[in-house]
Amino acid sequence: MEYLQYIAPIGIGAAYALLMSLIHEPHRRRVNALMIAGAGATYLSGGGMGVWELAFAAVLVYVAYRGLDSWTFIGIGWLLHTAWDIVHHLNGHPILPFDHGSSLGCAICDPVIALWCFSGGRTPRELFRRAKRPATIQGQTA
């Protein structure tokens, strides 16, 4: 069942997006901006990268601030966190000290959340409604 360590994080990312979809806009975007600011501080208490942990946290605070008005910045924040997770998986300490693969799992989960953010943080209904729109050709419905 080793494959679960790669599949489960994808499900966790999807579940995160579904649960966050329950929050109405504009609060959904603001809560997600706060979440990315918190993600920047994940490794502060022992990630093993010294002062770089503070620098990364500062970068994500700035990205989160910009994310208050932009889903794109929130998505960028999750991708930055993905890169930081990979650094920690390869050279640092894991997010969960008792689970060596936790940073890798987070690195798999975060891009799923980023994709949702790049879509505008839409609810499933909004996503499917957008996908079901009929194709138009020169203003005419096909």
Protein backbone atom coordinates (compact mmCIF):
# COMPACT_ATOMS: atom_id res chain seq x y z
CA MET A 1 0.00 0.00 0.00
CA GLU A 2 2.96 2.29 -0.54
CA TYR A 3 1.08 3.99 -3.39
CA LEU A 4 -1.28 5.50 -0.80
CA GLN A 5 1.42 7.93 0.27
CA TYR A 6 1.13 9.43 -3.23
CA ILE A 7 -2.64 9.09 -3.76
CA ALA A 8 -3.90 10.21 -0.33
CA PRO A 9 -2.39 13.72 -0.58
CA ILE A 10 -4.27 14.28 -3.84
CA GLY A 11 -7.50 13.39 -2.05
CA ILE A 12 -6.59 15.67 0.84
CA GLY A 13 -6.04 18.56 -1.56
CA ALA A 14 -9.39 17.90 -3.23
CA ALA A 15 -11.12 17.64 0.16
CA TYR A 16 -9.53 20.96 1.18
CA ALA A 17 -10.94 22.64 -1.94
CA LEU A 18 -14.39 21.10 -1.37
CA LEU A 19 -14.51 22.19 2.27
CA MET A 20 -13.27 25.67 1.46
CA SER A 21 -15.98 25.90 -1.21
CA LEU A 22 -18.53 25.96 1.60
CA ILE A 23 -17.32 29.43 2.59
CA HIS A 24 -19.00 32.20 0.61
CA GLU A 25 -17.01 34.77 -1.31
CA PRO A 26 -15.27 37.13 -0.64
CA HIS A 27 -14.56 35.43 2.68
CA ARG A 28 -13.34 32.26 0.91
CA ARG A 29 -10.49 34.13 -0.76
CA ARG A 30 -9.56 35.93 2.46
CA VAL A 31 -9.54 32.71 4.51
CA ASN A 32 -7.32 31.08 1.89
CA ALA A 33 -4.95 34.05 2.00
CA LEU A 34 -4.69 33.50 5.76
CA MET A 35 -4.09 29.79 5.18
CA ILE A 36 -1.15 30.47 2.86
CA ALA A 37 0.33 32.88 5.41
CA GLY A 38 0.07 30.10 7.99
CA ALA A 39 1.62 27.61 5.60
CA GLY A 40 4.63 29.88 5.41
CA ALA A 41 5.19 29.40 9.12
CA THR A 42 4.83 25.61 9.06
CA TYR A 43 8.52 24.85 9.45
CA LEU A 44 9.47 27.71 11.78
CA SER A 45 9.78 25.59 14.90
CA GLY A 46 12.30 23.14 13.53
CA GLY A 47 12.47 22.78 9.78
CA GLY A 48 16.24 22.67 9.83
CA MET A 49 16.90 25.50 7.38
CA GLY A 50 17.88 28.14 9.94
CA VAL A 51 17.31 31.77 9.02
CA TRP A 52 15.94 30.70 5.62
CA GLU A 53 12.80 29.55 7.44
CA LEU A 54 12.19 33.18 8.47
CA ALA A 55 12.90 34.47 4.98
CA PHE A 56 10.44 31.99 3.46
CA ALA A 57 7.78 32.91 6.03
CA ALA A 58 8.23 36.58 5.15
CA VAL A 59 7.86 35.87 1.43
CA LEU A 60 4.63 33.95 2.02
CA VAL A 61 3.25 36.74 4.24
CA TYR A 62 3.74 39.12 1.31
CA VAL A 63 2.17 36.64 -1.13
CA ALA A 64 -0.74 36.12 1.29
CA TYR A 65 -1.25 39.88 1.56
CA ARG A 66 -1.47 40.09 -2.23
CA GLY A 67 -3.76 37.06 -2.09
CA LEU A 68 -6.35 39.03 -0.15
CA ASP A 69 -7.36 40.42 -3.55
CA SER A 70 -6.06 37.72 -5.91
CA TRP A 71 -6.64 34.00 -6.22
CA THR A 72 -3.59 33.90 -8.49
CA PHE A 73 -1.32 35.01 -5.65
CA ILE A 74 -2.81 32.37 -3.36
CA GLY A 75 -2.09 29.73 -6.02
CA ILE A 76 1.47 31.04 -6.35
CA GLY A 77 1.81 30.76 -2.57
CA TRP A 78 0.81 27.09 -2.65
CA LEU A 79 3.34 26.41 -5.40
CA LEU A 80 6.05 28.19 -3.40
CA HIS A 81 5.12 26.03 -0.44
CA THR A 82 5.38 22.97 -2.67
CA ALA A 83 8.97 23.90 -3.50
CA TRP A 84 9.73 24.46 0.20
CA ASP A 85 8.21 21.07 1.04
CA ILE A 86 10.50 19.42 -1.51
CA VAL A 87 13.53 21.18 -0.02
CA HIS A 88 12.54 19.89 3.41
CA HIS A 89 11.86 16.39 2.13
CA LEU A 90 15.32 16.21 0.56
CA ASN A 91 17.45 18.19 3.02
CA GLY A 92 15.51 19.31 6.06
CA HIS A 93 13.11 18.04 8.65
CA PRO A 94 9.58 16.84 7.84
CA ILE A 95 6.47 18.81 8.79
CA LEU A 96 5.43 16.03 11.16
CA PRO A 97 8.47 14.80 13.08
CA PHE A 98 6.94 11.32 13.46
CA ASP A 99 6.25 10.93 9.71
CA HIS A 100 9.33 11.11 7.49
CA GLY A 101 7.20 11.37 4.33
CA SER A 102 4.94 14.18 5.54
CA SER A 103 6.76 16.91 3.60
CA LEU A 104 6.55 14.83 0.43
CA GLY A 105 2.83 14.34 1.02
CA CYS A 106 2.41 18.09 1.44
CA ALA A 107 4.38 18.67 -1.77
CA ILE A 108 1.87 16.44 -3.59
CA CYS A 109 -1.17 18.01 -1.92
CA ASP A 110 -0.27 21.67 -2.40
CA PRO A 111 -0.36 21.75 -6.24
CA VAL A 112 -3.89 20.32 -6.13
CA ILE A 113 -4.91 23.27 -3.97
CA ALA A 114 -2.97 25.64 -6.25
CA LEU A 115 -4.89 24.40 -9.31
CA TRP A 116 -8.15 25.08 -7.52
CA CYS A 117 -6.91 28.57 -6.61
CA PHE A 118 -5.84 29.27 -10.20
CA SER A 119 -9.40 28.37 -11.25
CA GLY A 120 -10.60 31.21 -9.05
CA GLY A 121 -11.37 29.13 -5.97
CA ARG A 122 -14.74 28.24 -7.41
CA THR A 123 -17.30 25.91 -5.89
CA PRO A 124 -17.86 22.56 -7.64
CA ARG A 125 -21.16 23.90 -8.97
CA GLU A 126 -19.42 26.94 -10.48
CA LEU A 127 -16.71 24.75 -11.99
CA PHE A 128 -19.19 22.35 -13.59
CA ARG A 129 -21.48 25.14 -14.77
CA ARG A 130 -18.49 26.73 -16.51
CA ALA A 131 -17.52 23.40 -18.10
CA LYS A 132 -21.06 22.76 -19.38
CA ARG A 133 -21.44 26.07 -21.24
CA PRO A 134 -22.16 25.47 -24.91
CA ALA A 135 -19.46 26.39 -27.38
CA THR A 136 -20.04 29.63 -29.23
CA ILE A 137 -18.97 30.55 -32.72
CA GLN A 138 -19.03 34.23 -33.64
CA GLY A 139 -21.57 34.94 -30.91
CA GLN A 140 -23.89 32.12 -31.99
CA THR A 141 -24.59 29.02 -29.93
CA ALA A 142 -23.27 25.93 -31.65
